[in-house]
């Protein structure tokens, strides 16, 4: 078995910000972390605001890197009153937190900051401000 996993990015610029070669051992360590700490008692201690964005357009077009069906159950276990779970239909990828790979995640993040956290957002860019207003009406 090869000790590394190579990832290809569709966008050439992505290689500047994401690793392209991962040690296979990292998958084992991630599984150990999940099994040992992702437990109901861990989630019950979460009192900070939580925003989870994930790619889901349809049954056939969704994030294949994570088990999406567990998200609603986990979110119900958080102690925080500010918990939001948002499916995005446009990213087409697991990499959501970057405009390089996902075009519509920032407006959802800004909307959460404004509506759930009460952070006033002052935008000089009218396009971004109008996107937030449009997202707020959903």
Protein backbone atom coordinates (compact mmCIF):
# COMPACT_ATOMS: atom_id res chain seq x y z
CA UNK A 1 0.00 0.00 0.00
CA UNK A 2 1.26 3.44 -0.90
CA UNK A 3 2.00 5.50 2.21
CA UNK A 4 0.62 8.70 0.65
CA UNK A 5 -2.55 9.76 -1.07
CA UNK A 6 -2.35 12.27 -3.92
CA UNK A 7 -5.18 14.75 -4.44
CA UNK A 8 -5.71 16.58 -7.72
CA UNK A 9 -7.38 19.99 -7.68
CA UNK A 10 -9.37 21.26 -10.66
CA UNK A 11 -8.24 24.83 -10.00
CA UNK A 12 -4.49 25.32 -10.43
CA UNK A 13 -4.44 28.07 -7.78
CA UNK A 14 -5.80 25.61 -5.18
CA UNK A 15 -2.44 23.84 -4.98
CA UNK A 16 -1.04 27.04 -3.44
CA UNK A 17 -3.40 26.71 -0.46
CA UNK A 18 -4.12 22.99 -0.04
CA UNK A 19 -1.75 20.10 0.27
CA UNK A 20 -1.84 17.70 -2.63
CA UNK A 21 -0.13 14.77 -0.94
CA UNK A 22 -1.45 13.39 2.33
CA UNK A 23 0.07 10.59 4.43
CA UNK A 24 -2.28 7.59 4.45
CA UNK A 25 -1.68 7.32 8.20
CA UNK A 26 -3.64 10.56 8.65
CA UNK A 27 -6.85 8.68 7.76
CA UNK A 28 -6.25 6.24 10.61
CA UNK A 29 -5.58 9.08 13.05
CA UNK A 30 -8.72 10.87 11.89
CA UNK A 31 -10.80 7.73 12.45
CA UNK A 32 -9.37 7.35 15.97
CA UNK A 33 -10.21 11.00 16.71
CA UNK A 34 -13.77 10.54 15.45
CA UNK A 35 -14.40 7.38 17.47
CA UNK A 36 -12.84 8.66 20.69
CA UNK A 37 -14.15 12.22 20.88
CA UNK A 38 -17.16 12.71 18.61
CA UNK A 39 -19.60 11.55 21.27
CA UNK A 40 -22.93 12.89 22.60
CA UNK A 41 -21.26 14.10 25.81
CA UNK A 42 -18.74 16.07 23.74
CA UNK A 43 -21.45 17.71 21.67
CA UNK A 44 -23.51 18.53 24.78
CA UNK A 45 -20.64 20.73 25.99
CA UNK A 46 -20.68 22.91 22.87
CA UNK A 47 -22.18 26.24 23.87
CA UNK A 48 -20.65 28.50 21.20
CA UNK A 49 -22.50 29.33 17.97
CA UNK A 50 -22.22 26.62 15.31
CA UNK A 51 -22.59 27.00 11.56
CA UNK A 52 -22.19 23.88 9.45
CA UNK A 53 -22.20 24.27 5.69
CA UNK A 54 -22.20 21.21 3.46
CA UNK A 55 -22.62 20.38 -0.21
CA UNK A 56 -25.91 18.71 -1.09
CA UNK A 57 -27.68 19.31 -4.36
CA UNK A 58 -29.42 15.96 -4.71
CA UNK A 59 -29.07 12.34 -3.67
CA UNK A 60 -26.51 11.85 -6.44
CA UNK A 61 -24.78 15.20 -6.09
CA UNK A 62 -23.51 15.69 -2.56
CA UNK A 63 -20.34 15.67 -0.47
CA UNK A 64 -18.86 12.19 -0.62
CA UNK A 65 -16.15 12.87 1.96
CA UNK A 66 -18.42 12.97 5.02
CA UNK A 67 -21.50 11.17 6.27
CA UNK A 68 -24.15 13.85 5.79
CA UNK A 69 -26.97 11.86 7.38
CA UNK A 70 -25.39 12.28 10.84
CA UNK A 71 -25.39 16.10 10.75
CA UNK A 72 -28.98 16.72 11.96
CA UNK A 73 -28.57 14.29 14.87
CA UNK A 74 -25.30 15.87 15.96
CA UNK A 75 -26.72 19.39 15.71
CA UNK A 76 -29.58 18.48 18.04
CA UNK A 77 -27.02 17.49 20.68
CA UNK A 78 -25.28 20.87 20.81
CA UNK A 79 -26.08 22.98 23.89
CA UNK A 80 -25.78 26.21 21.92
CA UNK A 81 -28.98 28.06 21.03
CA UNK A 82 -27.26 29.37 17.88
CA UNK A 83 -26.91 26.31 15.69
CA UNK A 84 -27.46 26.34 11.96
CA UNK A 85 -27.11 23.57 9.38
CA UNK A 86 -27.12 24.80 5.78
CA UNK A 87 -27.05 22.69 2.62
CA UNK A 88 -25.40 24.41 -0.33
CA UNK A 89 -26.31 23.29 -3.83
CA UNK A 90 -23.57 25.08 -5.76
CA UNK A 91 -20.14 24.14 -4.43
CA UNK A 92 -19.97 20.72 -6.07
CA UNK A 93 -17.14 19.89 -3.68
CA UNK A 94 -16.17 19.09 -0.09
CA UNK A 95 -14.00 22.24 0.06
CA UNK A 96 -16.58 24.83 1.08
CA UNK A 97 -14.74 27.53 3.04
CA UNK A 98 -12.99 29.12 0.10
CA UNK A 99 -14.09 31.17 -2.87
CA UNK A 100 -11.48 29.29 -4.91
CA UNK A 101 -13.48 26.08 -4.72
CA UNK A 102 -16.92 27.20 -3.57
CA UNK A 103 -18.58 30.32 -4.86
CA UNK A 104 -21.49 30.73 -2.46
CA UNK A 105 -20.21 29.89 1.01
CA UNK A 106 -19.10 33.37 2.09
CA UNK A 107 -22.59 34.85 1.86
CA UNK A 108 -23.93 32.13 4.19
CA UNK A 109 -21.08 32.75 6.64
CA UNK A 110 -21.70 36.50 6.61
CA UNK A 111 -25.45 35.96 6.98
CA UNK A 112 -24.84 33.78 10.05
CA UNK A 113 -22.50 36.37 11.57
CA UNK A 114 -25.04 39.12 11.04
CA UNK A 115 -28.26 37.32 11.98
CA UNK A 116 -27.18 34.81 14.64
CA UNK A 117 -24.21 36.60 16.18
CA UNK A 118 -25.48 40.15 15.81
CA UNK A 119 -22.29 41.35 14.17
CA UNK A 120 -22.99 44.46 12.11
CA UNK A 121 -21.45 44.10 8.69
CA UNK A 122 -20.32 47.19 6.84
CA UNK A 123 -19.68 46.52 3.19
CA UNK A 124 -18.03 48.74 0.70
CA UNK A 125 -18.65 46.12 -1.95
CA UNK A 126 -22.31 46.45 -2.99
CA UNK A 127 -22.33 43.03 -4.70
CA UNK A 128 -21.44 41.28 -1.43
CA UNK A 129 -23.99 43.33 0.51
CA UNK A 130 -26.75 42.50 -1.98
CA UNK A 131 -25.83 38.79 -1.85
CA UNK A 132 -26.20 38.84 1.94
CA UNK A 133 -29.55 40.56 1.70
CA UNK A 134 -30.75 38.02 -0.89
CA UNK A 135 -29.52 35.12 1.28
CA UNK A 136 -31.33 36.63 4.29
CA UNK A 137 -34.64 36.42 2.48
CA UNK A 138 -34.39 32.65 1.96
